[in-house]
Protein backbone atom coordinates (compact mmCIF):
# COMPACT_ATOMS: atom_id res chain seq x y z
CA MET A 1 9.41 13.19 7.73
CA SER A 2 6.03 12.97 8.96
CA SER A 3 5.69 11.01 12.68
CA ARG A 4 2.72 9.53 14.16
CA LYS A 5 0.96 11.51 16.53
CA LYS A 6 1.57 10.27 20.12
CA THR A 7 -1.93 10.83 21.68
CA SER A 8 -1.44 10.44 25.23
CA VAL A 9 0.96 9.90 27.82
CA SER A 10 0.03 6.04 27.97
CA ALA A 11 0.78 6.04 23.79
CA LYS A 12 4.26 7.41 24.46
CA LYS A 13 5.00 4.91 27.35
CA ALA A 14 3.59 1.91 24.55
CA ALA A 15 6.02 3.46 21.79
CA LYS A 16 9.02 2.83 24.32
CA LYS A 17 7.81 -0.84 25.13
CA LYS A 18 9.78 -3.68 23.34
CA TYR A 19 7.81 -5.83 21.39
CA PHE A 20 8.35 -8.01 17.92
CA THR A 21 8.87 -6.64 14.60
CA ASN A 22 9.63 -8.51 11.46
CA THR A 23 12.06 -7.60 9.09
CA ILE A 24 10.99 -7.59 5.21
CA GLU A 25 13.73 -8.44 3.23
CA LEU A 26 12.70 -8.34 -0.29
CA PRO A 27 12.84 -12.07 -2.48
CA GLU A 28 14.94 -12.19 -5.68
CA ASN A 29 12.40 -11.07 -7.88
CA GLY A 30 11.87 -7.58 -5.80
CA VAL A 31 7.87 -8.38 -5.19
CA PHE A 32 5.93 -10.87 -2.92
CA VAL A 33 3.26 -12.17 -5.29
CA GLY A 34 0.57 -14.35 -3.91
CA SER A 35 -3.31 -14.81 -3.40
CA GLY A 36 -5.56 -15.51 -0.49
CA VAL A 37 -6.23 -19.22 1.12
CA TYR A 38 -9.71 -19.61 2.54
CA PRO A 39 -10.95 -22.05 4.62
CA HIS A 40 -14.73 -22.57 3.33
CA LYS A 41 -15.72 -25.80 3.07
CA GLY A 42 -17.65 -27.05 0.20
CA GLY A 43 -21.32 -26.12 0.32
CA LEU A 44 -23.61 -23.10 0.34
CA TYR A 45 -21.87 -20.30 2.18
CA VAL A 46 -24.17 -17.10 1.70
CA GLY A 47 -27.66 -17.90 -0.01
CA GLY A 48 -29.96 -14.85 -1.80
CA ARG A 49 -31.45 -14.24 -5.11
CA ALA A 50 -28.74 -11.99 -6.50
CA PHE A 51 -25.71 -12.64 -3.74
CA THR A 52 -25.32 -16.65 -3.80
CA TYR A 53 -22.03 -18.02 -3.01
CA TRP A 54 -21.22 -21.34 -2.92
CA THR A 55 -17.81 -23.41 -2.74
CA ALA A 56 -17.00 -26.31 -4.27
CA PRO A 57 -16.14 -29.41 -2.37
CA GLU A 58 -13.24 -30.34 -4.50
CA ASN A 59 -11.93 -27.06 -4.07
CA PRO A 60 -8.04 -27.61 -2.26
CA LYS A 61 -7.75 -27.42 1.71
CA PHE A 62 -5.17 -25.08 3.23
CA HIS A 63 -2.48 -27.90 3.57
CA GLU A 64 -2.95 -28.80 0.07
CA ILE A 65 -2.99 -25.29 -1.24
CA VAL A 66 0.89 -24.98 0.36
CA GLN A 67 2.18 -27.69 -1.90
CA LEU A 68 -0.39 -26.94 -4.79
CA CYS A 69 1.16 -22.88 -4.76
CA LEU A 70 4.63 -24.73 -5.82
CA LYS A 71 3.19 -26.96 -8.15
CA GLU A 72 1.19 -24.51 -9.91
CA ASN A 73 3.72 -21.34 -9.70
CA GLN A 74 1.35 -19.23 -7.89
CA GLY A 75 3.55 -17.00 -6.52
CA ASN A 76 6.02 -16.68 -3.61
CA LEU A 77 3.72 -15.79 -0.58
CA LEU A 78 0.47 -17.03 0.64
CA GLN A 79 -2.40 -15.18 2.88
CA PHE A 80 -3.79 -17.23 5.13
CA TRP A 81 -7.47 -16.63 6.33
CA ALA A 82 -6.68 -19.26 9.37
CA LYS A 83 -6.63 -19.27 13.28
CA HIS A 84 -5.03 -20.59 16.49
CA GLU A 85 -2.66 -23.54 15.87
CA GLU A 86 -3.88 -24.32 12.35
CA LEU A 87 -2.42 -20.71 11.27
CA LEU A 88 1.27 -21.64 13.26
CA GLU A 89 1.30 -24.75 11.14
CA LEU A 90 0.55 -23.54 7.85
CA MET A 91 2.78 -20.53 8.18
CA LYS A 92 5.46 -23.80 8.83
CA GLU A 93 4.75 -25.37 6.23
CA ALA A 94 4.65 -22.62 3.73
CA LYS A 95 8.72 -22.00 5.58
CA ASP A 96 9.66 -25.08 4.78
CA ALA A 97 8.32 -24.69 0.83
CA GLY A 98 10.45 -21.83 0.49
CA LEU A 99 7.27 -19.29 0.81
CA TYR A 100 6.55 -16.35 2.69
CA SER A 101 3.24 -15.95 4.71
CA VAL A 102 0.82 -13.11 5.70
CA ALA A 103 -1.77 -13.75 8.86
CA PHE A 104 -5.53 -12.11 7.29
CA TYR A 105 -8.33 -11.57 9.71
CA SER A 106 -6.58 -13.90 12.03
CA ASP A 107 -6.37 -14.86 15.71
CA ALA A 108 -4.54 -17.09 17.59
CA GLU A 109 -3.54 -17.21 21.63
CA GLU A 110 -0.93 -15.14 22.73
CA LYS A 111 1.13 -18.82 23.27
CA ILE A 112 0.89 -19.10 19.89
CA SER A 113 1.81 -15.79 18.44
CA LYS A 114 4.65 -15.51 19.98
CA GLN A 115 5.95 -18.18 18.34
CA PHE A 116 5.52 -16.34 15.15
CA LYS A 117 9.50 -14.57 15.54
CA LYS A 118 10.58 -18.08 14.97
CA LEU A 119 9.46 -18.35 11.49
CA GLY A 120 12.26 -15.82 10.31
CA THR A 121 11.90 -13.47 7.11
CA SER A 122 8.93 -15.77 6.00
CA TYR A 123 6.84 -14.12 8.05
CA LEU A 124 5.81 -10.82 6.85
CA GLY A 125 3.09 -10.00 9.23
CA TYR A 126 -0.63 -9.66 10.15
CA ASP A 127 -3.24 -7.97 8.39
CA PHE A 128 -6.65 -7.07 10.06
CA GLY A 129 -8.02 -6.37 6.59
CA GLU A 130 -11.14 -4.04 6.27
CA ARG A 131 -11.94 -4.20 9.85
CA PHE A 132 -11.79 -0.30 10.41
CA SER A 133 -12.93 0.82 6.90
CA MET A 134 -16.34 0.57 6.63
CA GLY A 135 -17.23 3.51 8.50
CA ILE A 136 -15.69 5.46 11.21
CA PHE A 137 -18.79 6.73 12.89
CA ARG A 138 -21.16 3.88 11.29
CA GLY A 139 -23.01 2.66 14.07
CA VAL A 140 -21.41 4.95 16.65
CA ASP A 141 -24.20 7.37 18.60
CA THR A 142 -21.23 7.97 21.75
CA LEU A 143 -18.76 10.47 21.41
CA CYS A 144 -15.34 10.55 22.34
CA ASP A 145 -16.30 12.38 25.78
CA GLY A 146 -18.92 9.60 26.67
CA THR A 147 -22.04 11.55 25.68
CA LYS A 148 -24.75 10.63 23.35
CA MET A 149 -25.37 12.35 19.97
CA THR A 150 -28.03 15.62 19.94
CA LYS A 151 -28.99 17.59 17.16
CA LYS A 152 -26.84 20.59 18.81
CA LYS A 153 -23.93 18.27 18.60
CA ALA A 154 -24.23 16.77 15.35
CA GLN A 155 -24.56 20.27 14.09
CA ASN A 156 -21.19 21.48 15.63
CA MET A 157 -19.66 18.20 15.24
CA SER A 158 -15.68 18.49 14.77
CA LEU A 159 -14.03 16.87 12.02
CA ARG A 160 -11.32 16.44 14.93
CA ASP A 161 -13.69 14.36 16.76
CA ALA A 162 -14.18 11.68 13.80
CA ALA A 163 -10.63 11.26 13.54
CA ASP A 164 -9.62 10.91 17.42
CA LEU A 165 -12.31 8.35 17.55
CA PHE A 166 -11.30 6.63 14.16
CA MET A 167 -7.94 6.70 15.51
CA GLY A 168 -8.41 5.58 19.05
CA LYS A 169 -10.08 2.33 17.78
CA VAL A 170 -7.07 1.62 15.08
CA LYS A 171 -4.58 2.22 17.87
CA ALA A 172 -6.12 0.43 20.21
CA TRP A 173 -5.98 -2.74 17.97
CA VAL A 174 -2.26 -2.12 16.66
CA ASP A 175 -0.89 -2.02 20.08
CA ASP A 176 -2.75 -5.27 20.94
CA ARG A 177 -1.27 -7.21 18.03
CA HIS A 178 2.04 -5.54 18.40
CA GLU A 179 2.25 -6.24 22.33
CA LYS A 180 1.33 -10.18 21.48
CA ASP A 181 4.33 -10.25 18.93
CA TRP A 182 2.09 -10.21 15.92
CA GLY A 183 4.78 -8.39 14.24
CA LEU A 184 3.97 -5.78 11.42
CA VAL A 185 0.60 -4.95 11.08
CA MET A 186 -1.11 -4.22 8.08
CA ALA A 187 -4.26 -3.14 6.68
CA THR A 188 -6.12 -3.71 3.35
CA SER A 189 -9.35 -1.65 2.68
CA ALA A 190 -10.77 0.04 -0.17
CA ASN A 191 -10.91 3.59 2.07
CA PHE A 192 -10.17 6.79 1.32
CA TYR A 193 -8.57 7.68 4.93
CA ILE A 194 -6.08 4.78 4.99
CA ASP A 195 -3.86 7.41 5.61
CA TYR A 196 -5.51 7.67 9.25
CA GLU A 197 -4.90 4.15 9.59
CA VAL A 198 -1.30 4.44 9.33
CA ALA A 199 -1.24 7.59 11.18
CA ALA A 200 -2.51 5.50 13.95
CA GLY A 201 0.48 2.94 13.58
CA VAL A 202 -0.25 0.65 10.91
CA GLU A 203 3.15 -0.28 9.26
CA VAL A 204 2.02 -1.59 5.72
CA PRO A 205 -0.99 -0.08 4.07
CA CYS A 206 -2.30 -2.76 1.38
CA THR A 207 -5.06 -1.11 -0.40
CA GLU A 208 -8.43 -3.25 -1.56
CA ASP A 209 -7.72 -2.34 -5.28
CA PHE A 210 -10.67 -2.60 -7.46
CA PRO A 211 -13.61 -1.91 -5.12
CA PHE A 212 -11.20 1.20 -4.02
CA GLY A 213 -11.66 2.44 -7.78
CA ASN A 214 -9.22 3.86 -9.80
CA LEU A 215 -5.90 1.75 -9.05
CA THR A 216 -3.62 4.58 -10.11
CA THR A 217 -5.17 6.99 -7.58
CA ALA A 218 -4.49 3.58 -4.96
CA SER A 219 -0.90 3.63 -6.06
CA ALA A 220 -0.22 7.28 -5.45
CA MET A 221 -1.84 7.20 -1.87
CA ASN A 222 0.56 4.28 -0.96
CA ARG A 223 3.30 5.78 -2.15
CA GLY A 224 2.88 9.05 -0.59
CA LEU A 225 2.21 7.39 2.95
CA PHE A 226 5.35 4.81 2.23
CA ARG A 227 7.81 8.07 1.43
CA SER A 228 6.23 10.17 4.39
CA TYR A 229 6.23 7.49 7.16
CA ASN A 230 9.45 5.38 5.92
CA LEU A 231 7.24 2.07 6.01
CA PRO A 232 8.80 -1.10 5.18
CA ILE A 233 6.80 -1.37 1.96
CA TRP A 234 3.37 -0.90 0.35
CA GLY A 235 1.30 -3.57 -1.45
CA SER A 236 -2.02 -3.99 -3.33
CA HIS A 237 -4.81 -6.60 -2.46
CA LEU A 238 -6.41 -7.42 -5.80
CA ALA A 239 -10.07 -8.10 -5.35
CA HIS A 240 -10.35 -8.69 -9.47
CA GLU A 241 -12.82 -11.37 -9.22
CA TRP A 242 -15.33 -9.73 -6.84
CA TYR A 243 -15.21 -6.23 -8.16
CA SER A 244 -14.02 -5.88 -11.76
CA TYR A 245 -17.34 -6.15 -12.43
CA LEU A 246 -16.76 -6.41 -16.29
CA PRO A 247 -19.13 -9.68 -17.37
CA HIS A 248 -17.11 -12.83 -18.83
CA LYS A 249 -18.31 -12.15 -22.44
CA ASN A 250 -16.32 -8.88 -22.24
CA PRO A 251 -12.94 -9.94 -24.07
CA HIS A 252 -10.86 -7.85 -21.32
CA LYS A 253 -12.36 -9.66 -18.44
CA MET A 254 -9.68 -11.46 -17.54
CA GLU A 255 -6.85 -9.50 -19.19
CA SER A 256 -7.92 -6.91 -16.77
CA LEU A 257 -6.45 -8.67 -14.05
CA LYS A 258 -3.13 -9.17 -15.92
CA THR A 259 -2.83 -5.54 -16.46
CA ALA A 260 -3.71 -4.72 -12.75
CA MET A 261 -0.72 -7.32 -11.80
CA PHE A 262 1.59 -5.14 -13.94
CA LEU A 263 0.45 -1.70 -13.26
CA LYS A 264 0.84 -2.57 -9.26
CA TYR A 265 4.02 -3.50 -10.13
CA MET A 266 5.30 -0.15 -12.33
CA THR A 267 3.83 2.00 -9.73
CA GLY A 268 6.06 0.63 -6.93
CA ALA A 269 3.81 -1.86 -5.24
CA LYS A 270 6.28 -4.72 -3.60
CA MET A 271 3.46 -7.16 -2.49
CA ILE A 272 0.84 -7.94 -4.78
CA ILE A 273 -1.98 -10.28 -4.25
CA ASN A 274 -4.81 -12.05 -5.96
CA GLU A 275 -7.97 -11.80 -3.11
CA SER A 276 -9.85 -15.21 -4.71
CA GLY A 277 -10.64 -17.19 -8.05
CA ASN A 278 -7.52 -19.17 -8.38
CA TRP A 279 -8.27 -21.72 -5.91
CA GLY A 280 -11.99 -21.83 -6.47
CA LEU A 281 -14.46 -19.02 -7.26
CA GLN A 282 -16.68 -16.79 -5.01
CA SER A 283 -18.18 -13.80 -6.43
CA SER A 284 -21.82 -13.34 -8.22
CA LEU A 285 -21.04 -9.52 -8.63
CA CYS A 286 -21.20 -9.64 -12.64
CA GLU A 287 -24.23 -10.67 -14.78
CA ASP A 288 -22.61 -13.73 -16.39
CA SER A 289 -20.58 -15.21 -13.11
CA PRO A 290 -20.16 -18.98 -13.29
CA MET A 291 -21.56 -18.10 -9.67
CA HIS A 292 -25.25 -17.43 -11.57
CA THR A 293 -25.46 -21.05 -12.97
CA MET A 294 -25.51 -22.62 -9.35
CA PRO A 295 -28.95 -23.11 -7.33
CA ARG A 296 -29.81 -20.03 -5.56
CA GLY A 297 -31.88 -18.90 -2.20
CA GLY A 298 -35.24 -18.54 -2.92
CA ASP A 299 -37.52 -15.53 -1.87
CA ARG A 300 -39.43 -15.16 1.81
CA LEU A 301 -42.75 -17.09 0.54
CA SER A 302 -40.81 -20.10 -1.25
CA ASN A 303 -38.42 -21.11 1.52
CA PRO A 304 -38.12 -20.91 5.61
CA GLY A 305 -35.09 -18.42 5.33
CA THR A 306 -35.21 -14.64 4.57
CA GLY A 307 -32.59 -13.23 2.24
CA ARG A 308 -29.65 -14.59 2.76
CA ALA A 309 -30.28 -16.12 6.22
CA LEU A 310 -31.34 -19.66 4.88
CA SER A 311 -31.82 -22.46 6.90
CA ASP A 312 -30.21 -26.07 7.08
CA GLU A 313 -32.71 -27.77 5.71
CA PHE A 314 -33.37 -25.28 2.98
CA LYS A 315 -29.56 -26.00 2.19
CA ALA A 316 -29.70 -29.63 1.93
CA SER A 317 -32.66 -29.36 -0.51
CA LEU A 318 -30.38 -27.55 -2.94
CA MET A 319 -27.32 -30.00 -2.95
CA PRO A 320 -28.79 -32.52 -5.61
CA ALA A 321 -28.63 -29.73 -8.16
CA ALA A 322 -25.70 -28.14 -7.13
CA GLU A 323 -23.35 -30.89 -6.94
CA LYS A 324 -24.24 -31.33 -11.16
CA LEU A 325 -22.82 -27.70 -11.57
CA PHE A 326 -19.97 -27.68 -9.25
CA PRO A 327 -17.35 -27.75 -12.12
CA ASN A 328 -18.60 -24.18 -13.26
CA ILE A 329 -16.96 -22.95 -9.90
CA GLY A 330 -14.27 -25.46 -8.56
CA TYR A 331 -10.81 -25.00 -8.64
CA ARG A 332 -10.65 -27.37 -12.08
CA SER A 333 -13.16 -24.75 -13.49
CA PRO A 334 -12.45 -22.64 -16.47
CA VAL A 335 -12.31 -19.38 -14.95
CA ALA A 336 -10.02 -20.57 -11.56
CA THR A 337 -7.87 -22.13 -14.20
CA GLU A 338 -7.13 -19.07 -15.99
CA TYR A 339 -6.61 -17.10 -12.67
CA ARG A 340 -3.93 -19.76 -11.75
CA GLN A 341 -2.30 -19.19 -15.38
CA ILE A 342 -2.38 -15.14 -15.55
CA ILE A 343 -0.69 -15.10 -12.01
CA SER A 344 1.71 -17.92 -12.81
CA ASP A 345 2.65 -16.21 -16.02
CA PHE A 346 2.97 -12.78 -13.87
CA TYR A 347 5.13 -14.63 -11.44
CA ASN A 348 7.38 -15.44 -14.28
CA TYR A 349 7.74 -12.15 -15.59
CA THR A 350 9.26 -10.83 -12.32
CA LYS A 351 11.66 -13.58 -12.09
CA GLU A 352 13.06 -12.81 -15.38
CA ASN A 353 12.47 -8.92 -14.45
CA PRO A 354 12.94 -8.22 -10.96
CA ALA A 355 11.38 -5.17 -9.54
CA PRO A 356 13.24 -2.37 -8.44
CA ALA A 357 13.78 -2.01 -4.96
CA GLY A 358 12.92 1.49 -4.87
CA GLN A 359 10.07 3.64 -6.07
CA PRO A 360 9.09 5.76 -9.32
CA GLU A 361 9.58 8.94 -9.41
CA ALA A 362 6.87 11.72 -8.62
CA VAL A 363 7.39 15.32 -8.70
CA ILE A 364 3.89 15.87 -8.40
CA GLY A 365 1.90 15.99 -5.00
CA ILE A 366 -1.24 15.97 -4.35
CA ALA A 367 -2.17 17.19 -1.06
CA LYS A 368 -5.00 15.14 1.03
CA GLY A 369 -5.62 17.98 3.28
CA ASN A 370 -5.77 17.48 7.35
CA LEU A 371 -8.85 16.14 8.68
CA ASP A 372 -10.12 15.26 4.95
CA LEU A 373 -12.31 12.00 6.24
CA ALA A 374 -14.11 11.44 2.43
CA GLY A 375 -14.30 8.74 0.45
CA ILE A 376 -13.59 8.03 -3.00
CA GLY A 377 -16.14 9.91 -5.08
CA THR A 378 -19.08 12.03 -4.43
CA ALA A 379 -22.12 10.03 -3.19
CA MET A 380 -24.55 12.22 -2.53
CA ASN A 381 -26.07 10.61 -0.03
CA GLY A 382 -23.51 9.58 1.58
CA ALA A 383 -21.76 11.14 4.78
CA ILE A 384 -18.46 12.29 5.18
CA ALA A 385 -16.47 9.88 8.04
CA ALA A 386 -19.99 7.87 7.44
CA ALA A 387 -21.33 9.63 10.23
CA TYR A 388 -24.60 9.57 9.04
CA ASP A 389 -26.26 10.64 12.55
CA VAL A 390 -24.00 13.86 11.89
CA ALA A 391 -25.40 14.59 8.47
CA GLU A 392 -28.62 14.19 9.49
CA TYR A 393 -28.67 17.37 11.27
CA ASN A 394 -25.62 19.09 9.40
CA PRO A 395 -25.80 19.44 5.95
CA ASN A 396 -22.05 20.29 5.46
CA TRP A 397 -21.17 16.32 6.25
CA ILE A 398 -22.82 15.36 2.82
CA PRO A 399 -20.10 15.30 0.18
CA GLY A 400 -20.04 18.09 -1.59
CA ALA A 401 -17.47 21.08 -3.38
CA PRO A 402 -14.50 19.58 -1.75
CA GLU A 403 -15.00 16.11 -2.84
CA ALA A 404 -16.02 17.27 -6.34
CA GLY A 405 -13.00 19.43 -6.44
CA PHE A 406 -10.63 15.68 -5.93
CA GLN A 407 -12.82 14.14 -8.12
CA ILE A 408 -11.95 16.95 -10.74
CA LEU A 409 -8.37 16.79 -10.45
CA GLU A 410 -8.15 12.86 -10.24
CA ASN A 411 -9.59 13.09 -13.71
CA VAL A 412 -6.86 15.46 -15.03
CA LEU A 413 -4.01 13.45 -13.54
CA PHE A 414 -5.04 9.62 -13.57
CA PRO A 415 -7.51 9.94 -16.37
CA ARG A 416 -9.61 6.70 -17.09
CA PRO A 417 -9.94 5.73 -21.00
CA LYS A 418 -13.68 5.94 -21.32
CA THR A 419 -13.56 3.33 -24.49
CA MET A 420 -10.95 0.77 -22.76
CA PHE A 421 -13.79 -2.06 -22.21
CA TYR A 422 -16.08 -0.59 -24.47
CA PRO A 423 -19.52 -1.32 -24.52
CA ASN A 424 -18.27 -1.61 -20.32
CA LYS A 425 -17.24 1.44 -18.37
CA ASN A 426 -13.76 1.36 -17.43
CA LEU A 427 -14.14 2.27 -13.36
CA HIS A 428 -10.33 1.41 -12.88
CA PHE A 429 -7.60 1.64 -14.77
CA GLY A 430 -6.06 5.67 -14.65
CA ALA A 431 -3.28 6.75 -16.89
CA THR A 432 -0.71 9.10 -16.23
CA PRO A 433 -0.17 11.60 -19.04
CA TYR A 434 1.45 13.54 -16.71
CA GLY A 435 3.57 11.62 -14.92
CA GLN A 436 3.20 9.96 -11.67
CA ALA A 437 2.19 11.75 -8.86
CA ASP A 438 2.03 11.10 -5.14
CA ILE A 439 -1.03 11.73 -2.80
CA VAL A 440 0.71 13.59 0.37
CA SER A 441 -1.44 13.41 3.33
CA PHE A 442 -1.31 15.98 5.78
CA ALA A 443 -3.25 13.79 8.60
CA ASN A 444 -2.70 15.49 11.82
CA ASP A 445 -0.63 18.27 10.63
CA ASN A 446 2.73 16.42 10.21
CA VAL A 447 4.18 17.04 6.80
CA THR A 448 7.20 19.09 7.06
CA ALA A 449 8.72 21.64 4.51
CA ASP A 450 11.66 19.66 4.40
CA PHE A 451 10.10 16.74 3.01
CA LEU A 452 7.77 18.58 0.39
CA ILE A 453 11.12 20.38 -0.83
CA ASN A 454 13.01 17.32 -1.06
CA ASN A 455 9.94 15.29 -2.97
CA TYR A 456 7.93 17.36 -4.89
CA LYS A 457 8.08 20.30 -7.50
CA VAL A 458 4.51 20.80 -7.31
CA LEU A 459 1.82 20.52 -4.32
CA ILE A 460 -1.82 20.92 -5.24
CA PHE A 461 -4.53 21.20 -3.17
CA SER A 462 -7.96 20.31 -4.43
CA GLY A 463 -10.43 18.56 -1.37
CA TRP A 464 -10.91 19.47 1.95
CA ASN A 465 -8.15 20.84 4.16
CA THR A 466 -7.97 22.07 7.86
CA CYS A 467 -5.21 24.63 7.70
CA SER A 468 -3.02 25.80 11.00
CA ASP A 469 -0.42 27.82 11.43
CA LYS A 470 1.95 25.15 11.21
CA GLN A 471 0.52 24.14 8.08
CA TYR A 472 0.96 27.62 6.78
CA LYS A 473 4.46 28.00 7.76
CA VAL A 474 5.28 25.03 6.09
CA LEU A 475 3.39 25.81 2.60
CA CYS A 476 5.46 29.13 3.22
CA GLU A 477 8.90 27.45 3.15
CA TYR A 478 8.09 24.94 0.43
CA VAL A 479 7.07 28.04 -1.80
CA GLN A 480 10.31 30.13 -1.01
CA ALA A 481 12.66 27.37 -1.97
CA GLY A 482 11.04 26.47 -5.33
CA GLY A 483 7.74 24.76 -4.67
CA LYS A 484 5.09 25.42 -6.83
CA LEU A 485 1.59 25.44 -4.76
CA CYS A 486 -1.62 25.42 -6.09
CA ILE A 487 -4.37 26.16 -3.53
CA GLY A 488 -7.70 27.73 -3.03
CA ILE A 489 -9.16 30.26 -0.31
CA PRO A 490 -10.96 27.51 1.67
CA HIS A 491 -7.87 25.46 2.00
CA LEU A 492 -6.43 28.22 4.14
CA SER A 493 -9.54 27.72 6.58
CA LYS A 494 -8.69 26.35 10.09
CA ASP A 495 -12.58 25.18 10.29
CA MET A 496 -13.16 21.88 11.52
CA THR A 497 -16.60 21.36 10.99
CA ARG A 498 -16.93 21.08 7.13
CA ARG A 499 -18.44 24.83 6.77
CA HIS A 500 -16.79 25.02 3.26
CA ASN A 501 -19.57 27.18 1.80
CA THR A 502 -19.92 29.39 4.82
CA PHE A 503 -16.71 30.33 6.44
CA LYS A 504 -15.84 34.00 7.73
CA LEU A 505 -12.40 35.97 7.57
CA GLU A 506 -11.73 34.90 10.86
CA ASP A 507 -11.72 31.06 10.37
CA LEU A 508 -8.92 31.86 7.74
CA VAL A 509 -5.27 31.31 8.88
CA ASN A 510 -3.59 34.96 9.44
CA GLN A 511 -7.09 36.14 9.60
CA GLY A 512 -6.75 35.81 5.55
CA ASP A 513 -3.11 37.51 5.43
CA PHE A 514 -1.01 35.48 2.84
CA SER A 515 1.69 37.96 2.31
CA GLU A 516 4.78 35.83 3.24
CA LEU A 517 2.90 32.79 1.05
CA CYS A 518 1.62 34.97 -1.89
CA GLY A 519 1.55 38.38 -1.71
CA LEU A 520 -2.02 38.59 -1.12
CA LYS A 521 -4.41 39.69 1.67
CA VAL A 522 -8.17 38.59 1.66
CA THR A 523 -9.97 41.54 3.33
CA LYS A 524 -13.48 39.93 3.31
CA GLN A 525 -15.84 37.30 1.67
CA GLY A 526 -17.13 38.69 -1.61
CA ARG A 527 -19.80 38.40 -3.85
CA ARG A 528 -21.08 34.98 -5.84
CA PHE A 529 -19.86 34.78 -9.54
CA TYR A 530 -21.33 32.44 -11.91
CA TRP A 531 -19.29 32.39 -14.95
CA ALA A 532 -15.32 32.64 -15.01
CA THR A 533 -13.61 33.18 -18.21
CA GLY A 534 -9.76 33.85 -19.59
CA TYR A 535 -7.71 36.90 -18.85
CA THR A 536 -6.30 37.47 -22.02
CA LEU A 537 -5.94 40.81 -23.86
CA ASP A 538 -4.99 39.65 -27.12
CA HIS A 539 -7.58 36.93 -27.55
CA LYS A 540 -4.69 34.45 -27.59
CA PRO A 541 -5.12 31.69 -25.00
CA ASN A 542 -3.35 32.09 -21.61
CA ALA A 543 -1.08 29.90 -19.40
CA MET A 544 -4.06 27.90 -18.71
CA GLY A 545 -4.88 27.67 -22.64
CA MET A 546 -8.03 30.19 -21.71
CA VAL A 547 -9.27 32.76 -23.77
CA LEU A 548 -11.31 35.94 -22.68
CA ALA A 549 -14.75 34.50 -24.56
CA ARG A 550 -14.56 31.01 -23.21
CA ARG A 551 -16.55 30.92 -19.93
CA LEU A 552 -16.65 27.98 -17.38
CA GLY A 553 -18.98 27.73 -14.98
CA ILE A 554 -21.56 28.03 -13.10
CA ILE A 555 -19.52 28.27 -10.55
CA ALA A 556 -21.91 29.86 -7.92
CA ALA A 557 -19.10 30.25 -5.14
CA PRO A 558 -18.23 33.41 -2.97
CA LEU A 559 -15.00 35.16 -4.11
CA GLY A 560 -12.38 36.95 -1.68
CA GLU A 561 -12.18 40.59 -2.19
CA LEU A 562 -8.23 40.61 -2.16
CA GLU A 563 -5.47 43.66 -1.58
CA PHE A 564 -2.23 42.89 -3.59
CA THR A 565 1.13 43.24 -1.53
CA ASN A 566 3.81 42.73 -3.97
CA PRO A 567 4.94 45.03 -6.48
CA PRO A 568 2.57 44.29 -9.85
CA GLU A 569 4.96 42.24 -11.81
CA ASN A 570 4.79 39.47 -9.35
CA TYR A 571 1.32 38.94 -10.35
CA GLU A 572 -0.60 37.09 -13.41
CA LEU A 573 -4.48 36.80 -13.79
CA LEU A 574 -5.26 33.78 -15.51
CA ALA A 575 -9.07 33.95 -14.79
CA VAL A 576 -11.55 36.29 -13.45
CA ASP A 577 -15.10 36.77 -13.47
CA ASP A 578 -16.76 37.54 -16.59
CA GLU A 579 -18.82 40.78 -15.80
CA ASP A 580 -16.33 42.68 -13.44
CA MET A 581 -13.11 41.34 -14.22
CA LEU A 582 -12.26 40.04 -10.66
CA PRO A 583 -9.52 37.60 -9.72
CA VAL A 584 -10.56 34.53 -9.79
CA ILE A 585 -7.50 32.58 -10.24
CA VAL A 586 -4.05 33.99 -9.48
CA ARG A 587 -0.50 33.51 -10.37
CA CYS A 588 1.56 34.62 -7.77
CA LYS A 589 5.98 34.73 -7.92
CA SER A 590 6.70 34.14 -4.10
CA GLY A 591 10.10 33.66 -3.40
CA LYS A 592 11.83 31.47 -5.44
CA GLY A 593 8.40 30.00 -6.36
CA GLU A 594 4.91 30.63 -7.06
CA VAL A 595 1.42 30.07 -6.12
């Protein structure tokens, strides 16, 4: 199994120190079902022409929600966005009511946090939310060695530097919460490098689903982390009201929340939390949101505030009109009432059909390579690790071929039916035509051969990977034992600077000698090719379904010049370039497996 990286002597000492770790015991229905509980008071919370956020005075307060959760059958868990003495009081009330609780974005003096252990199994832990998910490097121009970013340093920036900077921040926070007896530390974020939060010490990944994108991909990521790090559970934080995006006029708008809950239940989540909407509305991120009926902040010429920063006087001037419209967004509003009904129905289902204690089988492993710090998708104006100061001088840090490769694989294994919400796009619901697949994180080069052999029949690389001698031996052992590995030459590069399109032979592990892995040697980088075609002699589809006449491209990537070191019967050409029939995709038998 994977183990967390010990980064220093002080880290080793901290690991030996005793601190409170709460035990998670699954409830009778097999899954924690709940919702967020907010401290917002009535009035204009955020103002702006497009982004407006009011809270109705009728919305229930903290202490009322504990009893309303029972009355309205809103699950068995409450996620409190509270602080200090009030947080402890609320969690005690939840325990007395037979409910579980999570502290979210919370803070409290150590004399209070030290009392959480008295709550027993009703207390599930502390979730730091998106504290570290908005970018590893964003706003940071000082490097790990204390020096400032320069053009020269940016051009030679290491992914290892970025990972260490990020993990150092996360670990410091996790260690502080552990020392103050907050118990298990959770992370709720929509980033694709939540695996590095887990590698830094987070014990329960709870992806913010919907903004993450494909919910099935998020499940695959969390399930892989659960298995490789021996985590207690993994969860889903459903930000449906904010990021489902579907307009309410689409008949599937609210049905998509129900679908998301069942999808998470079926893919192994043991904590399913609805972020908002059931105790009152918050979001304005679809064109017919009820929030758009409320008065909005004006432009810079018509009121003393600018943008979202509105003056108290201007907010007060909007209240007479807002009071007439609060029924559209409050606790008793039609949309909030429907949210509560959906949660109640789902909770009843779990009571009648308790979730199994284990996880669904997944024999396909999707490798998330070592030092893959990309986000979901291929936003070409973005930057790897949100390192814009690096990308400004180093174009390799702009998302490119590795990220596009992962997106292609996602579309194959977790395709999103295009007409599911017609005429609106389906951004969130992925199917599993080949069965469940886990994303196996190679963060910090910690995956073992035994873990791969015992869990996955197939392992597929498609995004970024920084290889190492250790990782190469792991892959060789996996294949020799019978595993099937899909990998490209760039995945076997030891480069840490993202030179994914210009690496040299000396960058490759073993200097390009992959004889032990697959019976091939890369002797040098060859020419670029445009089109690939199926390699067949009889014009019938080959094992990939490709025929000689059909071309794929334009690819514009360099081929590796190859030397075959095993007998000819060990190889099968599946795709070649269309001019010289040079190998593009080769199936190689190796030991009991194949590459």
